[in-house]
């Protein structure tokens, strides 16, 4: 059983608490829950070798149910009894409940060689992402945090706790709580679209395959072990774009022309599909920023950072270019001189 606690119409009641107690009890009594490698206690290691595709969504649903139970606890506290511990510390625990499952799921999505696991991870990631998006605009949760912020205790918080409180209130405002319900729904749709596009973007990189076929003379500088693993026969070698190939080759290979070609291919993994995805993400992000009152997504994302505005960032970067040009030119000349000397030594050999 799972209740929708993300609706702004949610009202804590004896019935809702009872339902959640039953839900949690069912999970705790479940043998699959007890044997799921992704569901761990504090500081317990994840047994990645025993993770199966069915564990992924089970763990995601479990984390959401547990997070919902914490959410209900926060909302149910009487305003006069609110403290940092029963409000913000509980909220931090809610985030931890989600992230300690979400983070390894996203890791598996990127590195697992099991397609079923990767697909399950993507589905679970979208599920948790949608939950988090709804959580960020939960009116009752916002009211609970806002009312705590007006308490005497909140006025005398230590700096790091005060920063946490202020950032939570700001994030709720940036989620569109002051907008009409139609515009709030539009924001959620945009965020969900971006979440799916991000997954597609990463998957296009992770599943991209390309390689370079080179002769033995172009493998100078590399270890025999490295060469043996990529040998095709007839003094021909295959260089793919995997990390175990790319980084050792870039660090040790003498052939600068092949290093350049391999680097270009490596930096273009996911092409051409990801160009269209990037364009769509940029459009959606700017639509999101416009809905919450910012001139651009850049202005929104940096509004609370030290720089404050995109213009300040560009001024900083442009000043760096001017200040560092002399040193960069000097370094380039020295590197070219070293390269020339190495080439002369190679020719003499």
Protein backbone atom coordinates (compact mmCIF):
# COMPACT_ATOMS: atom_id res chain seq x y z
CA UNK A 1 0.00 0.00 0.00
CA UNK A 2 1.34 3.44 -0.87
CA UNK A 3 -0.36 6.75 -0.26
CA UNK A 4 0.27 9.81 -2.36
CA UNK A 5 1.81 12.21 0.13
CA UNK A 6 2.98 14.59 -2.57
CA UNK A 7 -0.35 16.28 -3.10
CA UNK A 8 -0.77 19.74 -1.59
CA UNK A 9 -4.14 18.53 -0.36
CA UNK A 10 -2.53 15.94 1.93
CA UNK A 11 -3.81 16.16 5.49
CA UNK A 12 -2.21 14.11 8.25
CA UNK A 13 -4.74 11.95 10.00
CA UNK A 14 -5.03 8.84 12.08
CA UNK A 15 -6.07 6.95 8.94
CA UNK A 16 -3.01 8.01 6.92
CA UNK A 17 -0.62 7.20 9.75
CA UNK A 18 -2.24 3.79 10.15
CA UNK A 19 -1.88 3.05 6.44
CA UNK A 20 1.82 3.92 6.55
CA UNK A 21 2.40 1.79 9.62
CA UNK A 22 0.86 -1.14 7.75
CA UNK A 23 2.98 -0.41 4.65
CA UNK A 24 6.22 -0.26 6.61
CA UNK A 25 5.31 -3.37 8.57
CA UNK A 26 4.74 -5.26 5.31
CA UNK A 27 8.16 -4.23 4.05
CA UNK A 28 9.89 -5.09 7.30
CA UNK A 29 8.31 -8.54 7.35
CA UNK A 30 9.19 -9.18 3.72
CA UNK A 31 12.02 -11.64 3.16
CA UNK A 32 12.88 -9.91 -0.13
CA UNK A 33 13.39 -6.64 1.74
CA UNK A 34 15.76 -8.36 4.17
CA UNK A 35 17.82 -9.85 1.35
CA UNK A 36 17.87 -6.80 -0.94
CA UNK A 37 21.52 -5.67 -1.20
CA UNK A 38 20.46 -2.07 -1.87
CA UNK A 39 18.55 -1.77 1.42
CA UNK A 40 21.23 -1.33 4.06
CA UNK A 41 21.71 -0.06 7.58
CA UNK A 42 24.00 2.85 8.42
CA UNK A 43 27.62 2.24 7.34
CA UNK A 44 26.73 -1.19 5.99
CA UNK A 45 28.45 -2.04 2.71
CA UNK A 46 26.38 -2.67 -0.40
CA UNK A 47 26.90 -6.14 -1.85
CA UNK A 48 26.95 -5.07 -5.50
CA UNK A 49 27.89 -8.56 -6.71
CA UNK A 50 24.52 -9.97 -5.60
CA UNK A 51 22.27 -7.21 -6.98
CA UNK A 52 19.65 -8.46 -9.44
CA UNK A 53 17.29 -6.44 -11.63
CA UNK A 54 14.28 -7.15 -9.38
CA UNK A 55 16.10 -5.57 -6.42
CA UNK A 56 16.24 -2.15 -8.10
CA UNK A 57 12.58 -1.10 -8.18
CA UNK A 58 11.93 -2.87 -4.89
CA UNK A 59 14.60 -0.74 -3.21
CA UNK A 60 13.32 2.44 -4.89
CA UNK A 61 9.75 1.80 -3.71
CA UNK A 62 11.02 0.95 -0.24
CA UNK A 63 12.97 4.21 0.00
CA UNK A 64 9.91 6.20 -1.08
CA UNK A 65 7.65 4.50 1.48
CA UNK A 66 10.18 5.09 4.25
CA UNK A 67 10.62 8.70 3.14
CA UNK A 68 6.86 9.17 3.15
CA UNK A 69 6.65 7.90 6.73
CA UNK A 70 9.23 10.51 7.79
CA UNK A 71 7.34 13.15 5.81
CA UNK A 72 4.14 12.35 7.69
CA UNK A 73 5.98 12.62 11.00
CA UNK A 74 7.26 16.09 10.09
CA UNK A 75 3.84 17.31 8.97
CA UNK A 76 2.05 15.87 12.02
CA UNK A 77 4.10 17.86 14.58
CA UNK A 78 2.16 20.68 16.22
CA UNK A 79 3.59 24.08 15.30
CA UNK A 80 4.15 25.03 18.93
CA UNK A 81 6.24 21.88 19.44
CA UNK A 82 8.46 22.22 16.38
CA UNK A 83 12.21 21.90 16.92
CA UNK A 84 15.24 21.55 14.70
CA UNK A 85 15.33 17.85 15.58
CA UNK A 86 11.72 16.96 14.72
CA UNK A 87 11.55 19.16 11.63
CA UNK A 88 14.84 19.90 9.83
CA UNK A 89 16.83 16.96 11.18
CA UNK A 90 13.98 14.67 10.19
CA UNK A 91 13.95 16.31 6.75
CA UNK A 92 17.66 15.60 6.43
CA UNK A 93 16.95 11.98 7.36
CA UNK A 94 14.26 11.88 4.66
CA UNK A 95 16.79 13.05 2.08
CA UNK A 96 19.30 10.46 3.30
CA UNK A 97 16.68 7.70 3.05
CA UNK A 98 16.22 8.56 -0.62
CA UNK A 99 19.83 9.26 -1.56
CA UNK A 100 21.36 6.13 -0.03
CA UNK A 101 19.26 4.10 -2.49
CA UNK A 102 19.22 6.57 -5.39
CA UNK A 103 23.00 7.11 -5.53
CA UNK A 104 23.98 3.44 -5.99
CA UNK A 105 21.12 3.01 -8.48
CA UNK A 106 22.51 5.85 -10.60
CA UNK A 107 25.99 4.36 -10.28
CA UNK A 108 24.75 0.98 -11.51
CA UNK A 109 22.95 2.66 -14.40
CA UNK A 110 26.31 3.97 -15.59
CA UNK A 111 28.67 1.08 -14.89
CA UNK A 112 26.73 -2.21 -14.85
CA UNK A 113 27.38 -4.57 -17.77
CA UNK A 114 23.93 -6.14 -17.23
CA UNK A 115 21.37 -4.54 -19.54
CA UNK A 116 18.40 -5.63 -17.39
CA UNK A 117 19.94 -3.95 -14.36
CA UNK A 118 20.65 -0.75 -16.31
CA UNK A 119 17.06 -0.59 -17.60
CA UNK A 120 15.67 -1.22 -14.10
CA UNK A 121 17.97 1.49 -12.72
CA UNK A 122 16.69 4.02 -15.25
CA UNK A 123 13.08 3.21 -14.35
CA UNK A 124 13.84 3.47 -10.64
CA UNK A 125 15.74 6.73 -11.10
CA UNK A 126 12.77 8.28 -12.90
CA UNK A 127 10.46 7.07 -10.13
CA UNK A 128 12.59 8.61 -7.38
CA UNK A 129 13.17 11.77 -9.40
CA UNK A 130 9.43 12.23 -9.82
CA UNK A 131 8.95 11.71 -6.09
CA UNK A 132 11.63 14.31 -5.31
CA UNK A 133 10.07 16.82 -7.70
CA UNK A 134 6.69 16.42 -6.02
CA UNK A 135 8.31 16.63 -2.59
CA UNK A 136 9.91 19.96 -3.50
CA UNK A 137 6.46 21.51 -4.00
CA UNK A 138 4.64 19.85 -1.10
CA UNK A 139 2.75 22.74 0.49
CA UNK A 140 2.29 21.13 3.89
CA UNK A 141 5.99 20.34 4.17
CA UNK A 142 6.81 23.92 3.22
CA UNK A 143 4.40 25.26 5.84
CA UNK A 144 5.98 23.04 8.48
CA UNK A 145 9.46 24.36 7.69
CA UNK A 146 8.27 27.96 7.35
CA UNK A 147 6.49 27.87 10.71
CA UNK A 148 9.57 26.43 12.35
CA UNK A 149 11.61 29.27 10.82
CA UNK A 150 9.46 31.72 12.80
CA UNK A 151 10.14 30.02 16.14
CA UNK A 152 12.48 31.38 18.80
CA UNK A 153 14.82 28.41 18.38
CA UNK A 154 15.16 29.06 14.64
CA UNK A 155 16.25 32.64 15.27
CA UNK A 156 19.30 31.48 17.25
CA UNK A 157 20.47 28.55 15.12
CA UNK A 158 24.16 27.96 14.52
CA UNK A 159 25.40 29.21 11.16
CA UNK A 160 25.45 25.83 9.38
CA UNK A 161 21.95 24.95 10.61
CA UNK A 162 20.64 28.39 9.68
CA UNK A 163 22.07 27.96 6.18
CA UNK A 164 20.27 24.63 5.84
CA UNK A 165 16.98 26.21 6.90
CA UNK A 166 17.37 29.16 4.53
CA UNK A 167 18.32 26.95 1.59
CA UNK A 168 15.26 24.75 2.13
CA UNK A 169 12.91 27.74 2.21
CA UNK A 170 14.56 29.16 -0.90
CA UNK A 171 14.33 25.86 -2.75
CA UNK A 172 10.62 25.63 -2.00
CA UNK A 173 10.10 29.13 -3.39
CA UNK A 174 12.05 28.20 -6.51
CA UNK A 175 9.86 25.15 -7.00
CA UNK A 176 6.96 27.48 -7.83
CA UNK A 177 4.88 27.36 -4.66
CA UNK A 178 3.64 30.89 -5.29
CA UNK A 179 2.33 30.00 -8.75
CA UNK A 180 -1.10 28.81 -9.80
CA UNK A 181 -1.72 25.06 -9.71
CA UNK A 182 -1.62 24.96 -13.53
CA UNK A 183 1.82 26.56 -13.63
CA UNK A 184 3.04 24.31 -10.82
CA UNK A 185 1.96 21.29 -12.85
CA UNK A 186 3.75 22.74 -15.87
CA UNK A 187 6.94 23.06 -13.81
CA UNK A 188 6.67 19.43 -12.73
CA UNK A 189 6.19 18.30 -16.32
CA UNK A 190 9.27 20.24 -17.36
CA UNK A 191 11.34 18.74 -14.54
CA UNK A 192 10.19 15.22 -15.34
CA UNK A 193 11.03 15.72 -19.03
CA UNK A 194 14.50 16.97 -18.09
CA UNK A 195 15.04 13.95 -15.82
CA UNK A 196 14.24 11.57 -18.66
CA UNK A 197 16.40 13.51 -21.12
CA UNK A 198 19.35 13.42 -18.70
CA UNK A 199 19.08 9.64 -18.46
CA UNK A 200 18.93 9.35 -22.26
CA UNK A 201 21.94 11.66 -22.55
CA UNK A 202 24.04 9.55 -20.17
CA UNK A 203 22.89 6.29 -21.76
CA UNK A 204 23.90 7.55 -25.20
CA UNK A 205 27.40 8.12 -23.85
CA UNK A 206 27.63 4.84 -21.96
CA UNK A 207 26.40 2.71 -24.87
CA UNK A 208 28.34 4.57 -27.58
CA UNK A 209 30.83 2.39 -29.45
CA UNK A 210 33.66 3.50 -31.70
CA UNK A 211 37.29 2.55 -32.21
CA UNK A 212 40.50 3.23 -34.12
CA UNK A 213 42.55 0.58 -35.91
CA UNK A 214 46.29 1.36 -35.79
CA UNK A 215 49.57 -0.19 -36.88
CA UNK A 216 52.27 -1.39 -34.50
CA UNK A 217 54.44 1.68 -35.15
CA UNK A 218 51.73 3.88 -33.62
CA UNK A 219 51.72 1.92 -30.34
CA UNK A 220 55.15 3.12 -29.19
CA UNK A 221 55.38 4.09 -25.53
CA UNK A 222 52.72 1.64 -24.36
CA UNK A 223 53.25 -1.41 -22.17
CA UNK A 224 53.34 -4.89 -23.65
CA UNK A 225 50.34 -5.85 -21.53
CA UNK A 226 48.33 -2.92 -22.93
CA UNK A 227 49.28 -3.88 -26.49
CA UNK A 228 48.57 -7.59 -26.02
CA UNK A 229 45.00 -6.90 -24.84
CA UNK A 230 44.25 -4.90 -28.00
CA UNK A 231 46.11 -6.98 -30.56
CA UNK A 232 44.09 -8.16 -33.59
CA UNK A 233 46.88 -9.95 -35.43
CA UNK A 234 49.09 -8.97 -38.38
CA UNK A 235 50.62 -6.15 -36.28
CA UNK A 236 47.24 -4.38 -36.08
CA UNK A 237 45.67 -3.03 -32.86
CA UNK A 238 42.18 -1.87 -31.93
CA UNK A 239 41.73 1.15 -29.64
CA UNK A 240 38.22 1.59 -28.25
CA UNK A 241 36.88 4.50 -26.17
CA UNK A 242 36.72 2.74 -22.81
CA UNK A 243 38.53 4.26 -19.82
CA UNK A 244 41.08 1.38 -19.59
CA UNK A 245 42.07 2.16 -23.18
CA UNK A 246 41.71 5.92 -23.39
CA UNK A 247 43.61 7.15 -20.33
CA UNK A 248 46.70 4.91 -20.59
CA UNK A 249 46.99 5.70 -24.29
CA UNK A 250 46.69 9.45 -23.70
CA UNK A 251 49.33 9.30 -20.96
CA UNK A 252 51.91 7.03 -22.60
CA UNK A 253 51.51 6.83 -26.38
CA UNK A 254 54.13 8.67 -28.43
CA UNK A 255 51.87 9.24 -31.43
CA UNK A 256 50.37 12.68 -30.95
CA UNK A 257 48.22 12.35 -34.09
CA UNK A 258 46.49 9.22 -32.74
CA UNK A 259 46.17 10.78 -29.28
CA UNK A 260 44.42 13.73 -30.89
CA UNK A 261 42.11 11.52 -32.94
CA UNK A 262 41.27 9.32 -29.95
CA UNK A 263 40.56 12.36 -27.78
CA UNK A 264 38.21 13.86 -30.36
CA UNK A 265 36.30 10.59 -30.59
CA UNK A 266 36.22 10.27 -26.79
CA UNK A 267 34.82 13.78 -26.30
CA UNK A 268 32.15 13.15 -28.93
CA UNK A 269 30.67 10.01 -27.37
CA UNK A 270 26.89 10.10 -27.73
CA UNK A 271 26.95 12.09 -30.95
CA UNK A 272 24.86 13.03 -32.84
CA UNK A 273 21.86 12.14 -30.64
CA UNK A 274 23.06 14.14 -27.65
CA UNK A 275 23.16 17.42 -29.57
CA UNK A 276 19.38 17.30 -29.98
CA UNK A 277 18.97 16.28 -26.33
CA UNK A 278 21.14 19.18 -25.17
CA UNK A 279 19.12 21.62 -27.25
CA UNK A 280 15.90 20.31 -25.73
CA UNK A 281 17.26 20.48 -22.17
CA UNK A 282 18.40 24.09 -22.69
CA UNK A 283 14.95 25.07 -23.98
CA UNK A 284 13.18 23.32 -21.08
CA UNK A 285 15.50 24.82 -18.47
CA UNK A 286 14.88 28.32 -19.76
CA UNK A 287 11.12 27.65 -19.76
CA UNK A 288 11.43 26.58 -16.13
CA UNK A 289 13.41 29.70 -15.22
CA UNK A 290 10.88 31.92 -16.98
CA UNK A 291 7.99 30.38 -15.03
CA UNK A 292 9.63 31.14 -11.67
CA UNK A 293 10.60 34.68 -12.67
CA UNK A 294 14.23 34.50 -13.86
CA UNK A 295 15.51 35.83 -17.20
CA UNK A 296 17.44 32.60 -17.87
CA UNK A 297 18.33 29.28 -16.27
CA UNK A 298 21.86 30.58 -15.75
CA UNK A 299 20.47 33.50 -13.73
CA UNK A 300 18.38 31.09 -11.66
CA UNK A 301 21.11 28.54 -10.96
CA UNK A 302 23.68 31.13 -9.88
CA UNK A 303 21.38 33.52 -8.03
CA UNK A 304 22.45 32.26 -4.59
CA UNK A 305 26.11 31.62 -5.45
CA UNK A 306 28.94 34.02 -4.66
CA UNK A 307 29.02 35.42 -8.21
CA UNK A 308 25.32 36.28 -8.07
CA UNK A 309 24.76 36.88 -11.79
CA UNK A 310 25.84 35.32 -15.13
CA UNK A 311 27.41 38.64 -16.09
CA UNK A 312 29.74 38.48 -13.07
CA UNK A 313 30.83 34.99 -14.12
CA UNK A 314 31.58 36.09 -17.68
CA UNK A 315 33.54 39.10 -16.44
CA UNK A 316 35.58 36.86 -14.14
CA UNK A 317 36.35 34.37 -16.93
CA UNK A 318 37.22 37.05 -19.47
CA UNK A 319 39.55 38.73 -16.96
CA UNK A 320 41.24 35.37 -16.35
CA UNK A 321 41.83 34.96 -20.09
CA UNK A 322 43.54 38.36 -20.29
CA UNK A 323 45.62 37.83 -17.14
CA UNK A 324 46.72 34.31 -18.05
CA UNK A 325 47.46 34.84 -21.75
CA UNK A 326 51.15 35.67 -21.24
CA UNK A 327 51.75 32.61 -19.03
CA UNK A 328 49.73 30.36 -21.38
CA UNK A 329 51.76 31.52 -24.40
CA UNK A 330 54.99 30.92 -22.48
CA UNK A 331 53.92 27.40 -21.48
CA UNK A 332 52.91 26.62 -25.06
CA UNK A 333 56.32 27.69 -26.40
CA UNK A 334 58.10 25.55 -23.82
CA UNK A 335 55.94 22.51 -24.62
CA UNK A 336 56.53 22.93 -28.36
CA UNK A 337 60.26 23.18 -27.73
CA UNK A 338 60.17 19.96 -25.68
CA UNK A 339 58.14 18.23 -28.40
CA UNK A 340 60.64 19.28 -31.06
CA UNK A 341 63.51 17.88 -29.00
CA UNK A 342 61.69 14.57 -28.46
CA UNK A 343 60.92 14.28 -32.18
CA UNK A 344 64.58 14.88 -33.04
CA UNK A 345 65.65 12.17 -30.58
CA UNK A 346 63.08 9.78 -32.06
CA UNK A 347 64.28 10.49 -35.61
CA UNK A 348 67.92 9.91 -34.64
CA UNK A 349 67.00 6.51 -33.19
